[in-house]
Amino acid sequence: MSDPTDLLRQHHVPITAQRLAVLRAVSNRPHSTADIIAGDVRAEIGTISRQAVYNVLGVLTEKGLIRRIQPAGSSALYEDRVGDNHHHLICRSCGTTVDVDCAVGDTPCLTAASDSGFHIDEAEVLYWGTCPDCQKDDSNSERTRN
């Protein structure tokens, strides 16, 4: 991430200690929930309410400084990788979330079967699976049972 102070200035967002701390927390721990971000912010600047963290996340998302991801059945996740059309891979077992670049060349995810008259400029794709660590855990559990 660029310097958080410069980012806020460039996007005409008033600079506060809370906004700077939230930006740093999102940058340091991409794909984190608001509660995790709030804990990191409290560790950095002291007391801040959960509502204040949600308010800052809302402003930063609205201004395009961070991205909000809402996987089905999960709390919203926040990241500072913005401005590209990347996707996410989520582990069904532990919830680990990683970035996946969009396919190079044709962009089939942007070609809907029917666009219903919309001009499509972005697609959010979530891939679901089992991460390598959980695969190992499953394999070890299976061996232990046998």
Protein backbone atom coordinates (compact mmCIF):
# COMPACT_ATOMS: atom_id res chain seq x y z
CA MET A 1 0.00 0.00 0.00
CA SER A 2 1.13 3.55 -0.64
CA ASP A 3 1.54 5.87 2.30
CA PRO A 4 -1.86 5.88 4.08
CA THR A 5 -1.74 9.64 4.67
CA ASP A 6 -1.15 10.29 0.96
CA LEU A 7 -3.92 7.89 -0.01
CA LEU A 8 -6.44 9.68 2.19
CA ARG A 9 -5.35 13.06 0.80
CA GLN A 10 -5.57 11.86 -2.81
CA HIS A 11 -9.12 10.66 -2.23
CA HIS A 12 -10.16 13.79 -0.31
CA VAL A 13 -10.78 11.89 2.91
CA PRO A 14 -10.03 13.81 6.11
CA ILE A 15 -7.02 12.34 7.87
CA THR A 16 -7.67 10.94 11.35
CA ALA A 17 -5.76 8.54 13.56
CA GLN A 18 -8.64 6.07 13.29
CA ARG A 19 -8.66 6.10 9.47
CA LEU A 20 -4.90 5.71 9.30
CA ALA A 21 -4.96 2.82 11.76
CA VAL A 22 -7.79 1.06 9.91
CA LEU A 23 -5.95 1.43 6.59
CA ARG A 24 -2.79 -0.03 8.11
CA ALA A 25 -4.72 -2.90 9.71
CA VAL A 26 -6.41 -3.82 6.42
CA SER A 27 -3.07 -3.64 4.61
CA ASN A 28 -1.31 -5.77 7.23
CA ARG A 29 -4.02 -8.44 7.32
CA PRO A 30 -5.90 -8.69 4.04
CA HIS A 31 -9.16 -10.64 4.05
CA SER A 32 -9.86 -9.83 7.70
CA THR A 33 -13.21 -9.22 9.35
CA ALA A 34 -14.16 -5.92 10.95
CA ASP A 35 -13.71 -7.49 14.40
CA ILE A 36 -10.12 -8.54 13.62
CA ILE A 37 -9.41 -5.10 12.15
CA ALA A 38 -10.90 -3.47 15.27
CA GLY A 39 -8.58 -5.54 17.48
CA ASP A 40 -5.56 -4.50 15.46
CA VAL A 41 -6.63 -0.85 15.54
CA ARG A 42 -7.15 -0.98 19.32
CA ALA A 43 -3.66 -2.47 19.73
CA GLU A 44 -2.25 0.45 17.73
CA ILE A 45 -4.19 3.49 18.96
CA GLY A 46 -6.11 2.38 22.04
CA THR A 47 -9.85 2.66 22.46
CA ILE A 48 -12.10 2.69 19.40
CA SER A 49 -15.67 1.47 19.19
CA ARG A 50 -16.74 -1.29 16.86
CA GLN A 51 -19.17 1.17 15.25
CA ALA A 52 -16.35 3.63 14.57
CA VAL A 53 -14.38 0.87 12.83
CA TYR A 54 -17.43 -0.04 10.72
CA ASN A 55 -17.92 3.63 9.85
CA VAL A 56 -14.29 4.00 8.75
CA LEU A 57 -14.46 0.76 6.73
CA GLY A 58 -17.59 2.09 5.03
CA VAL A 59 -15.95 5.40 4.09
CA LEU A 60 -12.77 3.71 2.85
CA THR A 61 -14.80 1.22 0.79
CA GLU A 62 -16.98 3.96 -0.67
CA LYS A 63 -13.89 5.96 -1.67
CA GLY A 64 -12.33 2.90 -3.33
CA LEU A 65 -9.37 2.67 -0.95
CA ILE A 66 -10.31 -0.81 0.23
CA ARG A 67 -12.53 -3.59 -1.04
CA ARG A 68 -15.29 -5.41 0.84
CA ILE A 69 -15.82 -9.09 0.05
CA GLN A 70 -18.94 -10.88 1.29
CA PRO A 71 -18.61 -14.67 0.97
CA ALA A 72 -21.85 -16.61 1.52
CA GLY A 73 -22.30 -17.57 5.16
CA SER A 74 -19.36 -15.44 6.31
CA SER A 75 -18.70 -12.03 7.78
CA ALA A 76 -17.54 -9.35 5.35
CA LEU A 77 -13.81 -9.37 4.65
CA TYR A 78 -11.70 -6.34 3.76
CA GLU A 79 -8.56 -5.93 1.66
CA ASP A 80 -6.54 -3.10 0.17
CA ARG A 81 -5.98 -4.71 -3.23
CA VAL A 82 -8.23 -2.56 -5.37
CA GLY A 83 -8.33 -1.43 -8.97
CA ASP A 84 -8.03 -4.82 -10.59
CA ASN A 85 -10.54 -7.55 -11.25
CA HIS A 86 -9.06 -10.30 -9.11
CA HIS A 87 -11.06 -13.03 -7.44
CA HIS A 88 -10.83 -15.10 -4.26
CA LEU A 89 -10.38 -18.70 -3.23
CA ILE A 90 -11.87 -19.66 0.14
CA CYS A 91 -11.26 -22.79 2.18
CA ARG A 92 -14.52 -24.44 3.24
CA SER A 93 -12.85 -25.85 6.35
CA CYS A 94 -10.86 -23.01 7.92
CA GLY A 95 -11.99 -19.95 5.94
CA THR A 96 -8.53 -19.04 4.66
CA THR A 97 -8.99 -16.60 1.78
CA VAL A 98 -6.41 -15.94 -0.93
CA ASP A 99 -6.35 -13.77 -4.03
CA VAL A 100 -6.66 -15.36 -7.46
CA ASP A 101 -5.82 -13.30 -10.52
CA CYS A 102 -8.43 -13.10 -13.27
CA ALA A 103 -7.86 -15.39 -16.23
CA VAL A 104 -5.48 -13.91 -18.79
CA GLY A 105 -6.79 -13.34 -22.29
CA ASP A 106 -10.51 -13.81 -22.67
CA THR A 107 -12.47 -12.78 -19.63
CA PRO A 108 -15.31 -15.30 -19.60
CA CYS A 109 -16.43 -14.09 -16.18
CA LEU A 110 -17.33 -10.74 -17.75
CA THR A 111 -19.39 -12.31 -20.51
CA ALA A 112 -22.71 -13.18 -18.93
CA ALA A 113 -25.14 -15.45 -20.74
CA SER A 114 -27.56 -12.51 -20.65
CA ASP A 115 -26.54 -9.00 -19.67
CA SER A 116 -30.17 -7.77 -19.40
CA GLY A 117 -29.07 -4.48 -20.94
CA PHE A 118 -26.38 -3.82 -18.33
CA HIS A 119 -22.87 -2.71 -19.21
CA ILE A 120 -20.81 -5.19 -17.17
CA ASP A 121 -17.51 -3.80 -15.91
CA GLU A 122 -16.65 -6.10 -13.01
CA ALA A 123 -17.30 -9.63 -11.84
CA GLU A 124 -16.87 -11.09 -8.39
CA VAL A 125 -15.95 -14.72 -8.49
CA LEU A 126 -15.50 -16.80 -5.36
CA TYR A 127 -13.85 -20.17 -5.69
CA TRP A 128 -14.48 -22.61 -2.84
CA GLY A 129 -12.31 -25.57 -1.91
CA THR A 130 -10.00 -27.00 0.75
CA CYS A 131 -6.64 -25.38 1.47
CA PRO A 132 -3.43 -27.46 1.58
CA ASP A 133 -3.23 -27.33 5.41
CA CYS A 134 -6.79 -28.62 5.82
CA GLN A 135 -6.14 -31.29 3.19
CA LYS A 136 -3.18 -32.48 5.29
CA ASP A 137 -5.29 -32.38 8.46
CA ASP A 138 -8.04 -34.41 6.74
CA SER A 139 -5.47 -36.91 5.47
CA ASN A 140 -3.88 -37.24 8.94
CA SER A 141 -7.30 -37.67 10.59
CA GLU A 142 -8.19 -40.39 8.09
CA ARG A 143 -4.95 -42.26 8.84
CA THR A 144 -5.54 -41.97 12.58
CA ARG A 145 -9.02 -43.45 12.28
CA ASN A 146 -7.76 -46.45 10.25
